[in-house]
Amino acid sequence: MIKDIIIERVEDVAVAIIPEIDDLGEEEWIVYLLNMKEKQIDGVLIS
């Protein structure tokens, strides 16, 4: 059940969402996940 899922507090990680123009001249949004930790992060799920 959903109550059994442990969601830990996330620190030193940020998200940047930047509008850019693609090769066809259309606007698209690029999403960057920024890791500000000293070590590598793993097990990231983005939906």
PDB file of N, CA and C in Angstrom:
ATOM      1  N   MET A   1       0.833  -1.184   0.000  1.00  0.00           N
ATOM      2  CA  MET A   1       0.000   0.000   0.000  1.00  0.00           C
ATOM      3  C   MET A   1       0.878   1.247   0.000  1.00  0.00           C
ATOM      4  N   ILE A   2       0.275   2.345  -0.375  1.00  0.00           N
ATOM      5  CA  ILE A   2       1.026   3.602  -0.473  1.00  0.00           C
ATOM      6  C   ILE A   2       1.631   4.008   0.861  1.00  0.00           C
ATOM      7  N   LYS A   3       0.962   3.702   1.968  1.00  0.00           N
ATOM      8  CA  LYS A   3       1.484   4.088   3.280  1.00  0.00           C
ATOM      9  C   LYS A   3       2.745   3.309   3.647  1.00  0.00           C
ATOM     10  N   ASP A   4       3.010   2.202   2.963  1.00  0.00           N
ATOM     11  CA  ASP A   4       4.191   1.386   3.227  1.00  0.00           C
ATOM     12  C   ASP A   4       5.432   1.889   2.493  1.00  0.00           C
ATOM     13  N   ILE A   5       5.268   2.835   1.584  1.00  0.00           N
ATOM     14  CA  ILE A   5       6.397   3.388   0.834  1.00  0.00           C
ATOM     15  C   ILE A   5       7.037   4.497   1.655  1.00  0.00           C
ATOM     16  N   ILE A   6       8.324   4.349   1.913  1.00  0.00           N
ATOM     17  CA  ILE A   6       9.063   5.347   2.685  1.00  0.00           C
ATOM     18  C   ILE A   6       9.653   6.370   1.715  1.00  0.00           C
ATOM     19  N   ILE A   7       9.278   7.628   1.884  1.00  0.00           N
ATOM     20  CA  ILE A   7       9.807   8.709   1.049  1.00  0.00           C
ATOM     21  C   ILE A   7      10.774   9.516   1.906  1.00  0.00           C
ATOM     22  N   GLU A   8      12.058   9.425   1.571  1.00  0.00           N
ATOM     23  CA  GLU A   8      13.086  10.115   2.340  1.00  0.00           C
ATOM     24  C   GLU A   8      13.207  11.571   1.896  1.00  0.00           C
ATOM     25  N   ARG A   9      13.645  12.418   2.798  1.00  0.00           N
ATOM     26  CA  ARG A   9      13.874  13.831   2.493  1.00  0.00           C
ATOM     27  C   ARG A   9      15.050  13.945   1.520  1.00  0.00           C
ATOM     28  N   VAL A  10      14.893  14.767   0.501  1.00  0.00           N
ATOM     29  CA  VAL A  10      15.929  14.956  -0.513  1.00  0.00           C
ATOM     30  C   VAL A  10      16.607  16.299  -0.268  1.00  0.00           C
ATOM     31  N   GLU A  11      17.933  16.283  -0.190  1.00  0.00           N
ATOM     32  CA  GLU A  11      18.713  17.502  -0.003  1.00  0.00           C
ATOM     33  C   GLU A  11      19.841  17.538  -1.026  1.00  0.00           C
ATOM     34  N   ASP A  12      20.278  18.725  -1.368  1.00  0.00           N
ATOM     35  CA  ASP A  12      21.402  18.945  -2.288  1.00  0.00           C
ATOM     36  C   ASP A  12      21.138  18.412  -3.694  1.00  0.00           C
ATOM     37  N   VAL A  13      19.876  18.408  -4.097  1.00  0.00           N
ATOM     38  CA  VAL A  13      19.486  18.056  -5.457  1.00  0.00           C
ATOM     39  C   VAL A  13      18.475  19.107  -5.906  1.00  0.00           C
ATOM     40  N   ALA A  14      18.625  19.590  -7.141  1.00  0.00           N
ATOM     41  CA  ALA A  14      17.728  20.628  -7.647  1.00  0.00           C
ATOM     42  C   ALA A  14      17.287  20.286  -9.062  1.00  0.00           C
ATOM     43  N   VAL A  15      16.237  20.961  -9.506  1.00  0.00           N
ATOM     44  CA  VAL A  15      15.726  20.801 -10.864  1.00  0.00           C
ATOM     45  C   VAL A  15      15.737  22.169 -11.533  1.00  0.00           C
ATOM     46  N   ALA A  16      16.250  22.218 -12.759  1.00  0.00           N
ATOM     47  CA  ALA A  16      16.218  23.446 -13.555  1.00  0.00           C
ATOM     48  C   ALA A  16      15.437  23.154 -14.833  1.00  0.00           C
ATOM     49  N   ILE A  17      14.469  24.009 -15.146  1.00  0.00           N
ATOM     50  CA  ILE A  17      13.650  23.848 -16.349  1.00  0.00           C
ATOM     51  C   ILE A  17      13.865  25.086 -17.212  1.00  0.00           C
ATOM     52  N   ILE A  18      14.426  24.868 -18.408  1.00  0.00           N
ATOM     53  CA  ILE A  18      14.877  25.966 -19.262  1.00  0.00           C
ATOM     54  C   ILE A  18      14.175  25.900 -20.622  1.00  0.00           C
ATOM     55  N   PRO A  19      13.541  26.996 -21.060  1.00  0.00           N
ATOM     56  CA  PRO A  19      12.979  27.002 -22.419  1.00  0.00           C
ATOM     57  C   PRO A  19      14.099  27.232 -23.438  1.00  0.00           C
ATOM     58  N   GLU A  20      14.099  26.439 -24.497  1.00  0.00           N
ATOM     59  CA  GLU A  20      15.084  26.589 -25.567  1.00  0.00           C
ATOM     60  C   GLU A  20      14.369  26.486 -26.904  1.00  0.00           C
ATOM     61  N   ILE A  21      15.004  26.980 -27.947  1.00  0.00           N
ATOM     62  CA  ILE A  21      14.464  26.890 -29.300  1.00  0.00           C
ATOM     63  C   ILE A  21      15.153  25.722 -30.006  1.00  0.00           C
ATOM     64  N   ASP A  22      14.349  24.801 -30.570  1.00  0.00           N
ATOM     65  CA  ASP A  22      14.924  23.638 -31.243  1.00  0.00           C
ATOM     66  C   ASP A  22      15.307  23.986 -32.681  1.00  0.00           C
ATOM     67  N   ASP A  23      15.757  22.973 -33.431  1.00  0.00           N
ATOM     68  CA  ASP A  23      16.228  23.185 -34.804  1.00  0.00           C
ATOM     69  C   ASP A  23      15.123  23.671 -35.741  1.00  0.00           C
ATOM     70  N   LEU A  24      13.864  23.409 -35.396  1.00  0.00           N
ATOM     71  CA  LEU A  24      12.739  23.830 -36.226  1.00  0.00           C
ATOM     72  C   LEU A  24      12.212  25.208 -35.833  1.00  0.00           C
ATOM     73  N   GLY A  25      12.864  25.837 -34.855  1.00  0.00           N
ATOM     74  CA  GLY A  25      12.451  27.156 -34.405  1.00  0.00           C
ATOM     75  C   GLY A  25      11.310  27.131 -33.405  1.00  0.00           C
ATOM     76  N   GLU A  26      10.989  25.942 -32.897  1.00  0.00           N
ATOM     77  CA  GLU A  26       9.905  25.808 -31.925  1.00  0.00           C
ATOM     78  C   GLU A  26      10.464  25.775 -30.511  1.00  0.00           C
ATOM     79  N   GLU A  27       9.677  26.292 -29.579  1.00  0.00           N
ATOM     80  CA  GLU A  27      10.106  26.297 -28.180  1.00  0.00           C
ATOM     81  C   GLU A  27       9.918  24.907 -27.575  1.00  0.00           C
ATOM     82  N   GLU A  28      10.924  24.443 -26.868  1.00  0.00           N
ATOM     83  CA  GLU A  28      10.825  23.204 -26.107  1.00  0.00           C
ATOM     84  C   GLU A  28      11.424  23.447 -24.732  1.00  0.00           C
ATOM     85  N   TRP A  29      11.048  22.640 -23.779  1.00  0.00           N
ATOM     86  CA  TRP A  29      11.504  22.803 -22.402  1.00  0.00           C
ATOM     87  C   TRP A  29      12.486  21.687 -22.079  1.00  0.00           C
ATOM     88  N   ILE A  30      13.671  22.064 -21.639  1.00  0.00           N
ATOM     89  CA  ILE A  30      14.719  21.123 -21.260  1.00  0.00           C
ATOM     90  C   ILE A  30      14.766  21.068 -19.734  1.00  0.00           C
ATOM     91  N   VAL A  31      14.798  19.857 -19.185  1.00  0.00           N
ATOM     92  CA  VAL A  31      14.810  19.676 -17.734  1.00  0.00           C
ATOM     93  C   VAL A  31      16.157  19.084 -17.328  1.00  0.00           C
ATOM     94  N   TYR A  32      16.810  19.723 -16.369  1.00  0.00           N
ATOM     95  CA  TYR A  32      18.092  19.265 -15.851  1.00  0.00           C
ATOM     96  C   TYR A  32      17.926  18.887 -14.387  1.00  0.00           C
ATOM     97  N   LEU A  33      18.485  17.759 -13.999  1.00  0.00           N
ATOM     98  CA  LEU A  33      18.540  17.354 -12.599  1.00  0.00           C
ATOM     99  C   LEU A  33      19.947  17.671 -12.112  1.00  0.00           C
ATOM    100  N   LEU A  34      20.062  18.552 -11.125  1.00  0.00           N
ATOM    101  CA  LEU A  34      21.363  19.019 -10.644  1.00  0.00           C
ATOM    102  C   LEU A  34      21.728  18.312  -9.350  1.00  0.00           C
ATOM    103  N   ASN A  35      22.869  17.651  -9.353  1.00  0.00           N
ATOM    104  CA  ASN A  35      23.376  16.965  -8.170  1.00  0.00           C
ATOM    105  C   ASN A  35      24.435  17.856  -7.528  1.00  0.00           C
ATOM    106  N   MET A  36      24.141  18.370  -6.343  1.00  0.00           N
ATOM    107  CA  MET A  36      25.088  19.230  -5.636  1.00  0.00           C
ATOM    108  C   MET A  36      25.781  18.482  -4.498  1.00  0.00           C
ATOM    109  N   LYS A  37      25.690  17.163  -4.535  1.00  0.00           N
ATOM    110  CA  LYS A  37      26.337  16.326  -3.523  1.00  0.00           C
ATOM    111  C   LYS A  37      27.774  16.020  -3.954  1.00  0.00           C
ATOM    112  N   GLU A  38      28.569  15.574  -3.024  1.00  0.00           N
ATOM    113  CA  GLU A  38      29.942  15.166  -3.330  1.00  0.00           C
ATOM    114  C   GLU A  38      29.975  13.800  -4.006  1.00  0.00           C
ATOM    115  N   LYS A  39      28.953  12.970  -3.781  1.00  0.00           N
ATOM    116  CA  LYS A  39      28.955  11.627  -4.354  1.00  0.00           C
ATOM    117  C   LYS A  39      27.870  11.495  -5.414  1.00  0.00           C
ATOM    118  N   GLN A  40      28.011  10.475  -6.235  1.00  0.00           N
ATOM    119  CA  GLN A  40      27.066  10.207  -7.309  1.00  0.00           C
ATOM    120  C   GLN A  40      25.734   9.737  -6.736  1.00  0.00           C
ATOM    121  N   ILE A  41      24.641  10.150  -7.363  1.00  0.00           N
ATOM    122  CA  ILE A  41      23.338   9.660  -6.936  1.00  0.00           C
ATOM    123  C   ILE A  41      22.896   8.550  -7.882  1.00  0.00           C
ATOM    124  N   ASP A  42      22.082   7.634  -7.380  1.00  0.00           N
ATOM    125  CA  ASP A  42      21.558   6.558  -8.220  1.00  0.00           C
ATOM    126  C   ASP A  42      20.120   6.264  -7.820  1.00  0.00           C
ATOM    127  N   GLY A  43      19.458   5.474  -8.612  1.00  0.00           N
ATOM    128  CA  GLY A  43      18.080   5.125  -8.325  1.00  0.00           C
ATOM    129  C   GLY A  43      17.118   6.287  -8.500  1.00  0.00           C
ATOM    130  N   VAL A  44      17.344   7.118  -9.521  1.00  0.00           N
ATOM    131  CA  VAL A  44      16.499   8.289  -9.752  1.00  0.00           C
ATOM    132  C   VAL A  44      15.354   7.898 -10.676  1.00  0.00           C
ATOM    133  N   LEU A  45      14.142   8.232 -10.277  1.00  0.00           N
ATOM    134  CA  LEU A  45      12.956   7.987 -11.094  1.00  0.00           C
ATOM    135  C   LEU A  45      12.318   9.330 -11.417  1.00  0.00           C
ATOM    136  N   ILE A  46      12.212   9.625 -12.706  1.00  0.00           N
ATOM    137  CA  ILE A  46      11.606  10.879 -13.154  1.00  0.00           C
ATOM    138  C   ILE A  46      10.396  10.530 -13.998  1.00  0.00           C
ATOM    139  N   SER A  47       9.280  11.119 -13.662  1.00  0.00           N
ATOM    140  CA  SER A  47       8.064  10.845 -14.451  1.00  0.00           C
ATOM    141  C   SER A  47       7.345  12.123 -14.787  1.00  0.00           C
TER     142      SER A  47
END
